Protein backbone atom coordinates (compact mmCIF):
# COMPACT_ATOMS: atom_id res chain seq x y z
CA UNK A 1 0.05 -0.06 -0.17
CA UNK A 2 1.18 3.49 -1.36
CA UNK A 3 1.92 6.21 1.68
CA UNK A 4 -1.27 8.48 1.84
CA UNK A 5 -1.63 11.97 2.78
CA UNK A 6 -5.10 11.72 4.69
CA UNK A 7 -7.39 14.03 6.52
CA UNK A 8 -9.71 12.86 8.85
CA UNK A 9 -12.24 15.79 9.52
CA UNK A 10 -15.13 15.42 12.31
CA UNK A 11 -17.61 17.90 11.17
CA UNK A 12 -19.16 19.06 14.89
CA UNK A 13 -20.67 22.05 14.02
CA UNK A 14 -22.65 22.66 10.75
CA UNK A 15 -21.83 26.70 10.02
CA UNK A 16 -19.40 29.51 11.00
CA UNK A 17 -21.54 31.12 13.25
CA UNK A 18 -22.05 28.73 16.36
CA UNK A 19 -24.13 30.13 19.85
CA UNK A 20 -22.39 30.44 22.96
CA UNK A 21 -23.27 27.05 23.43
CA UNK A 22 -21.40 25.75 20.58
CA UNK A 23 -18.46 28.01 21.23
CA UNK A 24 -18.02 26.49 24.75
CA UNK A 25 -18.74 22.79 24.00
CA UNK A 26 -18.69 21.55 20.64
CA UNK A 27 -15.20 20.35 20.89
CA UNK A 28 -16.35 18.27 23.44
CA UNK A 29 -18.69 16.63 21.34
CA UNK A 30 -16.01 15.18 18.86
CA UNK A 31 -16.82 11.64 18.14
CA UNK A 32 -14.69 8.45 18.91
CA UNK A 33 -14.71 6.91 15.51
CA UNK A 34 -13.09 10.03 13.69
CA UNK A 35 -10.43 9.30 16.22
CA UNK A 36 -10.46 5.78 15.97
CA UNK A 37 -9.82 5.96 12.13
CA UNK A 38 -7.46 8.51 12.51
CA UNK A 39 -5.42 6.18 14.55
CA UNK A 40 -5.69 3.05 12.05
CA UNK A 41 -4.83 5.26 9.60
CA UNK A 42 -1.34 6.07 11.33
CA UNK A 43 -0.82 2.43 12.40
CA UNK A 44 -1.05 1.60 8.55
CA UNK A 45 1.84 3.88 7.80
CA UNK A 46 0.06 6.85 6.40
CA UNK A 47 0.39 10.87 7.27
CA UNK A 48 -2.41 11.82 8.99
CA UNK A 49 -4.15 15.13 9.55
CA UNK A 50 -7.03 15.19 12.12
CA UNK A 51 -9.36 18.17 12.06
CA UNK A 52 -12.20 18.70 14.71
CA UNK A 53 -14.37 21.15 12.89
CA UNK A 54 -16.04 23.84 14.95
CA UNK A 55 -15.49 26.95 12.58
CA UNK A 56 -14.22 27.85 9.48
CA UNK A 57 -10.73 28.83 10.73
CA UNK A 58 -10.64 25.09 11.32
CA UNK A 59 -10.46 24.46 7.98
CA UNK A 60 -6.86 23.72 6.09
CA UNK A 61 -5.25 25.99 4.56
CA UNK A 62 -4.68 24.39 1.78
CA UNK A 63 -7.16 21.62 0.13
CA UNK A 64 -4.90 19.94 -2.45
CA UNK A 65 -2.51 18.83 0.43
CA UNK A 66 -4.22 15.51 0.52
CA UNK A 67 -4.50 11.97 -1.52
CA UNK A 68 -7.73 11.09 0.86
CA UNK A 69 -10.07 13.14 2.81
CA UNK A 70 -12.54 11.05 5.48
CA UNK A 71 -15.28 13.15 6.99
CA UNK A 72 -17.29 12.31 9.91
CA UNK A 73 -20.96 14.08 9.77
CA UNK A 74 -24.09 14.08 11.92
CA UNK A 75 -27.08 14.71 9.25
CA UNK A 76 -27.38 18.38 10.46
CA UNK A 77 -23.75 18.53 8.72
CA UNK A 78 -24.33 16.77 5.58
CA UNK A 79 -24.76 19.71 3.19
CA UNK A 80 -21.21 21.43 4.82
CA UNK A 81 -19.49 17.73 4.10
CA UNK A 82 -21.09 17.88 0.55
CA UNK A 83 -19.75 21.29 0.10
CA UNK A 84 -16.09 20.20 1.50
CA UNK A 85 -16.12 16.86 -0.56
CA UNK A 86 -16.60 18.88 -3.57
CA UNK A 87 -13.74 21.04 -2.95
CA UNK A 88 -11.39 18.67 -1.94
CA UNK A 89 -12.47 16.27 -5.40
CA UNK A 90 -12.07 19.41 -7.51
CA UNK A 91 -8.27 19.58 -6.04
CA UNK A 92 -7.53 15.65 -6.94
CA UNK A 93 -8.29 14.27 -3.91
CA UNK A 94 -10.68 11.05 -3.12
CA UNK A 95 -13.34 11.47 -0.32
CA UNK A 96 -15.30 9.23 1.92
CA UNK A 97 -17.93 9.83 4.40
CA UNK A 98 -18.65 8.15 7.60
CA UNK A 99 -20.78 8.70 10.97
CA UNK A 100 -24.58 8.97 11.43
CA UNK A 101 -25.47 10.72 8.09
CA UNK A 102 -23.66 7.95 5.98
CA UNK A 103 -25.37 5.25 7.61
CA UNK A 104 -28.99 6.94 7.64
CA UNK A 105 -28.48 7.93 3.91
CA UNK A 106 -26.06 5.97 2.00
CA UNK A 107 -27.46 6.06 -1.37
CA UNK A 108 -27.78 9.79 -1.52
CA UNK A 109 -24.40 10.47 0.40
CA UNK A 110 -22.73 8.02 -2.35
CA UNK A 111 -23.73 10.70 -5.15
CA UNK A 112 -21.24 13.29 -3.56
CA UNK A 113 -18.32 10.65 -2.36
CA UNK A 114 -15.88 8.09 -3.73
CA UNK A 115 -16.95 6.18 -0.56
CA UNK A 116 -19.79 5.89 2.32
CA UNK A 117 -18.58 4.05 4.72
CA UNK A 118 -21.48 1.99 6.83
CA UNK A 119 -19.97 0.32 9.96
CA UNK A 120 -16.72 0.42 9.82
CA UNK A 121 -13.72 -1.92 11.14
CA UNK A 122 -9.95 -1.67 10.62
CA UNK A 123 -10.09 -4.00 7.75
CA UNK A 124 -12.73 -2.28 5.54
CA UNK A 125 -10.76 1.11 5.96
CA UNK A 126 -7.52 -0.85 5.15
CA UNK A 127 -9.36 -2.20 1.90
CA UNK A 128 -10.65 1.30 0.88
CA UNK A 129 -7.24 2.60 1.47
CA UNK A 130 -5.82 0.20 -0.80
CA UNK A 131 -8.16 0.92 -3.62
CA UNK A 132 -8.01 4.86 -2.96
CA UNK A 133 -9.65 5.76 -6.57
CA UNK A 134 -12.52 7.76 -7.70
CA UNK A 135 -15.74 6.27 -7.82
CA UNK A 136 -18.00 8.62 -9.95
CA UNK A 137 -20.89 9.38 -10.47
CA UNK A 138 -21.87 6.84 -7.83
CA UNK A 139 -19.56 6.30 -4.68
CA UNK A 140 -19.06 2.41 -3.49
CA UNK A 141 -21.11 1.98 -0.19
CA UNK A 142 -18.96 -0.28 1.96
CA UNK A 143 -19.41 -1.63 5.36
CA UNK A 144 -18.20 -4.41 8.00
CA UNK A 145 -20.58 -7.13 9.09
CA UNK A 146 -20.37 -5.80 12.74
CA UNK A 147 -18.91 -3.16 14.46
CA UNK A 148 -15.38 -3.28 15.38
CA UNK A 149 -14.45 -5.91 17.95
CA UNK A 150 -11.88 -3.56 19.62
CA UNK A 151 -10.66 0.02 19.60
CA UNK A 152 -7.32 1.97 19.70
CA UNK A 153 -6.88 2.87 23.31
CA UNK A 154 -6.73 6.55 24.58
CA UNK A 155 -3.00 6.30 24.73
CA UNK A 156 -2.97 5.52 21.30
CA UNK A 157 -5.29 8.05 19.92
CA UNK A 158 -4.17 10.45 22.43
CA UNK A 159 -2.95 13.26 20.05
CA UNK A 160 -6.08 13.24 18.13
CA UNK A 161 -7.90 13.49 21.49
CA UNK A 162 -5.84 16.36 22.37
CA UNK A 163 -6.62 18.36 18.99
CA UNK A 164 -10.27 18.58 19.88
CA UNK A 165 -9.83 19.17 23.74
CA UNK A 166 -7.52 22.35 22.76
CA UNK A 167 -10.22 23.91 21.70
CA UNK A 168 -12.45 23.59 24.72
CA UNK A 169 -12.04 26.77 26.92
CA UNK A 170 -12.63 25.44 30.09
CA UNK A 171 -14.42 21.95 30.25
CA UNK A 172 -12.65 19.10 28.38
CA UNK A 173 -14.36 15.97 28.29
CA UNK A 174 -12.66 12.83 26.90
CA UNK A 175 -14.70 10.16 25.23
CA UNK A 176 -14.56 6.69 25.92
CA UNK A 177 -16.72 3.62 24.86
CA UNK A 178 -17.14 0.07 26.12
CA UNK A 179 -20.12 -1.56 23.74
CA UNK A 180 -21.99 -0.83 20.43
CA UNK A 181 -25.80 -1.13 20.00
CA UNK A 182 -28.45 -1.88 22.86
CA UNK A 183 -30.49 -5.04 23.32
CA UNK A 184 -33.80 -2.67 23.45
CA UNK A 185 -35.41 -2.41 20.15
CA UNK A 186 -36.88 1.06 20.22
CA UNK A 187 -38.23 1.55 16.58
CA UNK A 188 -37.67 5.16 16.81
CA UNK A 189 -33.57 4.89 17.44
CA UNK A 190 -30.77 4.88 15.64
CA UNK A 191 -29.27 1.67 17.09
CA UNK A 192 -32.38 -0.44 17.15
CA UNK A 193 -30.74 -2.75 14.06
CA UNK A 194 -27.34 -2.74 15.83
CA UNK A 195 -26.80 -6.08 17.71
CA UNK A 196 -25.50 -5.29 21.23
CA UNK A 197 -21.74 -6.01 21.48
CA UNK A 198 -19.23 -5.64 24.11
CA UNK A 199 -15.49 -4.44 23.74
CA UNK A 200 -13.30 -5.94 26.40
CA UNK A 201 -12.69 -3.56 29.00
CA UNK A 202 -9.07 -4.74 29.70
CA UNK A 203 -8.02 -2.68 26.97
CA UNK A 204 -9.01 0.22 28.92
CA UNK A 205 -6.79 -0.85 32.09
CA UNK A 206 -3.88 1.52 30.97
CA UNK A 207 -6.29 4.44 30.04
CA UNK A 208 -6.73 5.65 33.42
CA UNK A 209 -3.29 6.10 34.85
CA UNK A 210 -2.26 7.46 31.48
CA UNK A 211 -4.97 10.16 31.66
CA UNK A 212 -3.93 10.95 35.23
CA UNK A 213 -0.84 12.17 34.05
CA UNK A 214 -2.65 14.51 31.55
CA UNK A 215 -4.99 16.07 34.07
CA UNK A 216 -5.49 16.59 37.67
CA UNK A 217 -8.87 15.11 37.66
CA UNK A 218 -9.91 13.85 33.96
CA UNK A 219 -13.62 13.78 32.65
CA UNK A 220 -14.81 10.64 30.87
CA UNK A 221 -17.98 10.45 28.82
CA UNK A 222 -19.34 7.06 28.05
CA UNK A 223 -20.42 6.79 24.41
CA UNK A 224 -22.18 3.65 25.07
CA UNK A 225 -25.64 3.90 23.38
CA UNK A 226 -26.76 2.22 26.91
CA UNK A 227 -24.55 2.31 29.53
CA UNK A 228 -26.60 0.66 31.63
CA UNK A 229 -27.18 -2.38 29.87
CA UNK A 230 -23.56 -3.77 31.51
CA UNK A 231 -23.37 -1.04 34.43
CA UNK A 232 -22.57 -3.88 36.89
CA UNK A 233 -19.42 -4.93 34.62
CA UNK A 234 -18.67 -1.26 34.37
CA UNK A 235 -18.58 -0.63 38.19
CA UNK A 236 -16.54 -3.62 38.86
CA UNK A 237 -13.90 -2.72 36.54
CA UNK A 238 -13.86 1.03 37.86
CA UNK A 239 -13.67 -0.14 41.22
CA UNK A 240 -10.71 -2.08 40.39
CA UNK A 241 -8.99 0.12 38.60
CA UNK A 242 -9.55 3.50 39.19
CA UNK A 243 -8.43 5.24 42.50
CA UNK A 244 -11.68 6.61 44.37
CA UNK A 245 -12.13 10.49 43.59
CA UNK A 246 -9.55 10.32 40.64
CA UNK A 247 -11.83 10.57 37.52
CA UNK A 248 -14.93 11.85 37.02
CA UNK A 249 -17.79 10.00 34.63
CA UNK A 250 -20.25 10.79 32.39
CA UNK A 251 -23.12 8.29 30.95
CA UNK A 252 -26.40 7.86 29.24
CA UNK A 253 -28.91 4.72 30.75
CA UNK A 254 -32.09 3.67 30.37
CA UNK A 255 -33.94 4.28 34.28
CA UNK A 256 -34.36 0.83 34.53
CA UNK A 257 -31.02 0.04 35.21
CA UNK A 258 -30.51 2.90 38.04
CA UNK A 259 -31.69 1.32 41.32
CA UNK A 260 -30.58 2.87 44.58
CA UNK A 261 -27.98 0.10 45.32
CA UNK A 262 -26.48 0.70 42.04
CA UNK A 263 -26.62 4.67 42.30
CA UNK A 264 -24.65 4.20 45.27
CA UNK A 265 -21.77 2.56 43.80
CA UNK A 266 -21.80 5.45 40.98
CA UNK A 267 -21.67 8.12 43.29
CA UNK A 268 -18.55 6.38 44.82
CA UNK A 269 -16.93 5.58 41.45
CA UNK A 270 -17.02 9.50 40.65
CA UNK A 271 -20.31 9.75 38.17
CA UNK A 272 -21.07 13.20 37.96
CA UNK A 273 -23.69 13.22 34.99
CA UNK A 274 -26.62 10.93 34.14
CA UNK A 275 -28.88 11.12 30.63
CA UNK A 276 -31.57 8.79 31.08
CA UNK A 277 -34.41 8.89 28.16
CA UNK A 278 -37.94 9.05 29.28
CA UNK A 279 -38.94 10.00 25.96
CA UNK A 280 -42.92 9.25 26.33
CA UNK A 281 -45.78 9.21 28.96
CA UNK A 282 -47.16 6.50 27.13
CA UNK A 283 -44.65 4.32 25.82
CA UNK A 284 -41.23 2.79 26.82
CA UNK A 285 -42.41 1.82 30.21
CA UNK A 286 -39.72 -1.27 30.28
CA UNK A 287 -36.92 1.19 29.96
CA UNK A 288 -38.19 3.54 32.51
CA UNK A 289 -39.10 0.41 34.85
CA UNK A 290 -42.98 1.81 34.96
CA UNK A 291 -44.42 -1.31 33.48
CA UNK A 292 -47.79 -0.41 32.14
CA UNK A 293 -48.43 2.92 34.13
CA UNK A 294 -49.14 5.98 31.81
CA UNK A 295 -49.88 9.58 32.11
CA UNK A 296 -49.94 10.89 35.25
CA UNK A 297 -49.39 7.73 37.27
CA UNK A 298 -46.02 7.41 34.89
CA UNK A 299 -44.88 11.34 35.86
CA UNK A 300 -45.37 10.49 39.63
CA UNK A 301 -43.11 7.52 39.66
CA UNK A 302 -40.51 8.68 36.97
CA UNK A 303 -40.23 11.97 39.11
CA UNK A 304 -39.74 10.00 42.09
CA UNK A 305 -37.03 7.89 40.61
CA UNK A 306 -35.22 11.22 39.03
CA UNK A 307 -35.24 12.80 42.63
CA UNK A 308 -33.56 9.62 43.80
CA UNK A 309 -30.75 9.93 41.17
CA UNK A 310 -30.04 13.59 41.94
CA UNK A 311 -29.47 12.60 45.25
CA UNK A 312 -26.10 10.77 44.28
CA UNK A 313 -25.80 11.74 40.75
CA UNK A 314 -25.25 16.31 40.58
CA UNK A 315 -26.20 16.60 37.06
CA UNK A 316 -29.31 14.76 35.34
CA UNK A 317 -30.29 15.27 31.64
CA UNK A 318 -33.98 14.06 30.90
CA UNK A 319 -34.55 13.23 27.11
CA UNK A 320 -38.09 13.61 25.79
CA UNK A 321 -39.09 13.01 22.03
CA UNK A 322 -42.39 14.88 20.76
CA UNK A 323 -44.94 13.87 19.12
CA UNK A 324 -45.31 10.19 19.39
CA UNK A 325 -48.53 8.63 17.38
CA UNK A 326 -49.09 7.76 20.86
CA UNK A 327 -49.50 11.53 21.88
CA UNK A 328 -52.83 13.40 21.20
CA UNK A 329 -53.87 16.67 22.59
CA UNK A 330 -52.63 18.86 24.92
CA UNK A 331 -52.11 16.01 27.87
CA UNK A 332 -48.40 14.73 26.95
CA UNK A 333 -47.28 18.67 27.21
CA UNK A 334 -49.12 19.21 30.45
CA UNK A 335 -47.45 16.12 31.96
CA UNK A 336 -44.20 17.31 31.07
CA UNK A 337 -44.72 20.23 32.93
CA UNK A 338 -46.02 18.43 36.18
CA UNK A 339 -42.75 16.75 35.81
CA UNK A 340 -40.93 19.93 35.60
CA UNK A 341 -42.68 20.93 38.90
CA UNK A 342 -41.83 17.82 40.64
CA UNK A 343 -38.63 17.25 39.58
CA UNK A 344 -37.09 20.81 39.30
CA UNK A 345 -33.39 19.68 39.54
CA UNK A 346 -33.37 17.62 36.07
CA UNK A 347 -32.36 19.55 32.99
CA UNK A 348 -35.19 18.60 30.12
CA UNK A 349 -34.10 18.40 26.79
CA UNK A 350 -37.14 18.52 23.92
CA UNK A 351 -36.54 15.98 20.69
CA UNK A 352 -38.33 16.73 17.91
CA UNK A 353 -39.72 13.41 15.92
CA UNK A 354 -37.23 13.33 13.32
CA UNK A 355 -36.57 10.62 10.46
CA UNK A 356 -33.15 9.91 9.66
CA UNK A 357 -33.28 8.12 6.32
CA UNK A 358 -32.86 4.22 6.63
CA UNK A 359 -31.49 4.80 10.47
CA UNK A 360 -34.27 3.33 12.11
CA UNK A 361 -37.23 0.71 11.61
CA UNK A 362 -39.65 3.46 12.49
CA UNK A 363 -38.44 5.53 9.79
CA UNK A 364 -39.42 3.44 6.79
CA UNK A 365 -43.19 3.08 8.27
CA UNK A 366 -43.21 6.96 8.27
CA UNK A 367 -41.96 6.78 4.45
CA UNK A 368 -44.89 4.39 3.49
CA UNK A 369 -47.16 6.54 5.11
CA UNK A 370 -45.99 9.55 2.97
CA UNK A 371 -45.11 11.52 6.52
CA UNK A 372 -41.98 12.58 5.45
CA UNK A 373 -40.80 16.02 4.13
CA UNK A 374 -38.19 16.75 2.39
CA UNK A 375 -36.75 19.39 4.66
CA UNK A 376 -32.81 20.06 4.11
CA UNK A 377 -30.55 17.85 6.06
CA UNK A 378 -29.05 21.07 7.56
CA UNK A 379 -32.27 21.56 9.93
CA UNK A 380 -32.33 18.14 11.17
CA UNK A 381 -30.97 17.86 14.55
CA UNK A 382 -34.08 16.98 16.39
CA UNK A 383 -34.56 20.36 17.92
CA UNK A 384 -34.71 23.23 15.31
CA UNK A 385 -37.36 21.26 13.10
CA UNK A 386 -39.03 17.93 12.36
CA UNK A 387 -39.50 16.50 9.21
CA UNK A 388 -42.27 14.13 10.22
CA UNK A 389 -45.80 14.86 9.74
CA UNK A 390 -47.51 14.47 12.92
CA UNK A 391 -50.27 11.86 13.07
CA UNK A 392 -52.74 13.50 15.88
CA UNK A 393 -51.68 17.34 15.29
CA UNK A 394 -52.13 19.76 13.12
CA UNK A 395 -48.65 21.53 12.54
CA UNK A 396 -49.98 25.08 14.16
CA UNK A 397 -51.54 22.90 16.90
CA UNK A 398 -48.44 21.09 17.73
CA UNK A 399 -46.17 24.27 17.65
CA UNK A 400 -48.82 26.14 20.32
CA UNK A 401 -48.32 23.08 22.19
CA UNK A 402 -44.68 22.68 22.30
CA UNK A 403 -44.07 26.30 22.22
CA UNK A 404 -45.95 26.27 25.49
CA UNK A 405 -43.84 23.58 27.02
CA UNK A 406 -40.87 24.92 26.02
CA UNK A 407 -41.44 28.48 27.43
CA UNK A 408 -42.82 26.67 30.71
CA UNK A 409 -39.59 24.89 31.06
CA UNK A 410 -37.12 27.96 30.63
CA UNK A 411 -39.19 30.88 32.38
CA UNK A 412 -37.27 32.62 35.10
CA UNK A 413 -39.29 30.75 37.94
CA UNK A 414 -38.40 27.37 36.37
CA UNK A 415 -34.43 28.31 35.76
CA UNK A 416 -34.39 29.49 39.26
CA UNK A 417 -36.14 26.43 40.91
CA UNK A 418 -33.64 24.05 38.83
CA UNK A 419 -30.88 26.56 39.90
CA UNK A 420 -31.63 26.16 43.31
CA UNK A 421 -32.25 22.16 43.31
CA UNK A 422 -28.58 21.84 41.92
CA UNK A 423 -26.23 21.69 44.76
CA UNK A 424 -22.75 22.09 42.33
CA UNK A 425 -21.72 25.57 41.46
CA UNK A 426 -20.91 24.01 37.83
CA UNK A 427 -23.74 22.51 37.13
CA UNK A 428 -25.99 25.39 38.40
CA UNK A 429 -24.33 27.68 35.96
CA UNK A 430 -24.35 24.98 33.23
CA UNK A 431 -28.20 24.71 33.45
CA UNK A 432 -28.55 28.50 33.19
CA UNK A 433 -26.13 28.52 30.26
CA UNK A 434 -28.18 25.83 28.35
CA UNK A 435 -31.17 27.69 29.19
CA UNK A 436 -30.12 30.92 27.39
CA UNK A 437 -29.09 28.43 24.52
CA UNK A 438 -32.53 26.57 24.34
CA UNK A 439 -34.22 30.18 23.58
CA UNK A 440 -33.09 30.19 20.39
CA UNK A 441 -35.23 26.78 19.77
CA UNK A 442 -38.13 28.91 21.49
CA UNK A 443 -37.73 31.45 18.93
CA UNK A 444 -37.71 29.02 15.88
CA UNK A 445 -41.09 27.61 16.95
CA UNK A 446 -42.51 30.96 17.34
CA UNK A 447 -41.23 31.93 14.27
CA UNK A 448 -42.59 28.69 12.63
CA UNK A 449 -46.25 29.40 13.93
CA UNK A 450 -45.72 33.23 12.05
CA UNK A 451 -44.25 31.91 8.87
CA UNK A 452 -47.15 29.22 8.71
CA UNK A 453 -49.46 31.91 8.94
CA UNK A 454 -47.96 34.60 6.68
CA UNK A 455 -45.60 32.84 4.09
CA UNK A 456 -47.70 30.62 1.48
CA UNK A 457 -44.63 28.60 0.00
CA UNK A 458 -43.69 27.49 3.63
CA UNK A 459 -47.42 26.76 4.34
CA UNK A 460 -47.55 24.92 1.34
CA UNK A 461 -44.72 22.69 1.96
CA UNK A 462 -45.48 21.79 5.51
CA UNK A 463 -48.79 20.30 4.04
CA UNK A 464 -47.15 18.55 1.57
CA UNK A 465 -48.80 20.52 -1.47
CA UNK A 466 -45.26 20.97 -2.81
CA UNK A 467 -41.94 19.61 -2.20
CA UNK A 468 -40.02 22.67 -3.12
CA UNK A 469 -38.19 23.93 -0.24
CA UNK A 470 -39.34 27.09 1.32
CA UNK A 471 -36.96 30.30 0.51
CA UNK A 472 -36.65 31.03 4.38
CA UNK A 473 -34.91 27.69 5.03
CA UNK A 474 -32.49 28.10 1.56
CA UNK A 475 -31.43 31.65 2.92
CA UNK A 476 -30.82 30.46 6.30
CA UNK A 477 -28.79 27.48 4.99
CA UNK A 478 -27.23 30.18 2.38
CA UNK A 479 -25.98 32.78 5.31
CA UNK A 480 -25.01 29.83 7.44
CA UNK A 481 -22.55 28.26 4.60
CA UNK A 482 -20.91 31.28 3.68
CA UNK A 483 -18.41 31.30 0.82
CA UNK A 484 -18.94 27.12 1.15
CA UNK A 485 -22.57 27.81 -0.25
CA UNK A 486 -21.27 27.95 -4.02
CA UNK A 487 -19.47 24.51 -3.52
CA UNK A 488 -22.85 22.84 -2.34
CA UNK A 489 -23.76 20.60 -5.29
CA UNK A 490 -27.56 22.40 -6.13
CA UNK A 491 -29.48 19.46 -6.15
CA UNK A 492 -28.25 18.57 -2.76
CA UNK A 493 -30.42 21.50 -1.07
CA UNK A 494 -33.32 19.94 -0.27
CA UNK A 495 -33.22 16.38 1.57
CA UNK A 496 -34.55 13.49 -0.08
CA UNK A 497 -35.99 10.66 1.65
């Protein structure tokens, strides 16, 4: 294999104008697989440049310095990735796309990249680099049969981790993962079709003492889709290998795994952040350990559990999704307001129901039901806009309920209650910062309602009377992409199914 000049770019942001929250925190959202890919490429003997993209100043000074460019992107960054691929290809490079967008929209991405990675291991990457040739007009979709069985250690990928963390002004969070997939089969979940697979924790043993040479008190965030699935295995491992009080940990877990004895162990092991998915007051009872309880009965039980967690874990983010097909009327939103009252210490995150191509089984059902809008990828981040037509709501009805809930959750009264309920100074002010960021989402919801009433093209698009993307979105995207807009293939301005 010839020695290649390779660029690995992790597109953490999708524009040059991030919010205050984005400027402070975006580098901490760098993905593991771009860093892993960069480490693998180096192991194969190639010259590697790793870029954690948070603003345009991160772009390479010369676009003709690389033979092969790998871009990692969420769907919200897809059109930025398409523009960059167009530039690099014009300078003679071969390009590849990996990450969530590549898995959700492989056929669409293949129009703009020479290779599109699905599940990726070192062997698949090696085969692609050996070929390293243009495939146009349709790129090749390549995938391993399973997720990789092992990953480079933190020490082995440290130079790439450090490159991302150097951009973070104060909080520096190191990504780590011990499993892929999830045993639950939630039809809306990106990992629903990915078999659960454990990694060998023994390979992490040297990471902990190594990190203690880099930070006084390192922060490790588990990227496992559901940390709780192997929570006892993790806690045993941490208790054996991490000196008490030396490392802080963050994780995402179903409520069903967070019993009080485990919470006691989590606290002793240094866990500071827990992110459970509540999702719905009518579904996913097995994940919240509420069984067949729904409505206010579920709210009360979940709230008690959340408050118990906050007795042991300083910071908790509670995730919700709106609107499920089981949602109807104002009740789901009013129940969530009661949850806010009962558990003021939890930070709520509201995700709009979004279909990401073929990434989840439910998305395919929405396509069959003709409920998917051709919204530009740029806006598919589960918070700015949604591309699924609600089953039991008109657009105006839904956004009125959603706006009311969002405003209720971030009034001065609610934010002050959240401030007082959190005992840690760091997390108190983190909640304030995140609350201010959420005001941008509230403003978009208000603007949506205004445009639906005043902009005929906008209204016709959402009523599926036309597939032409409203000028409102195109102008927003043109402004955000700046000079890269000219490099965006014009046929990719709008999303496809």
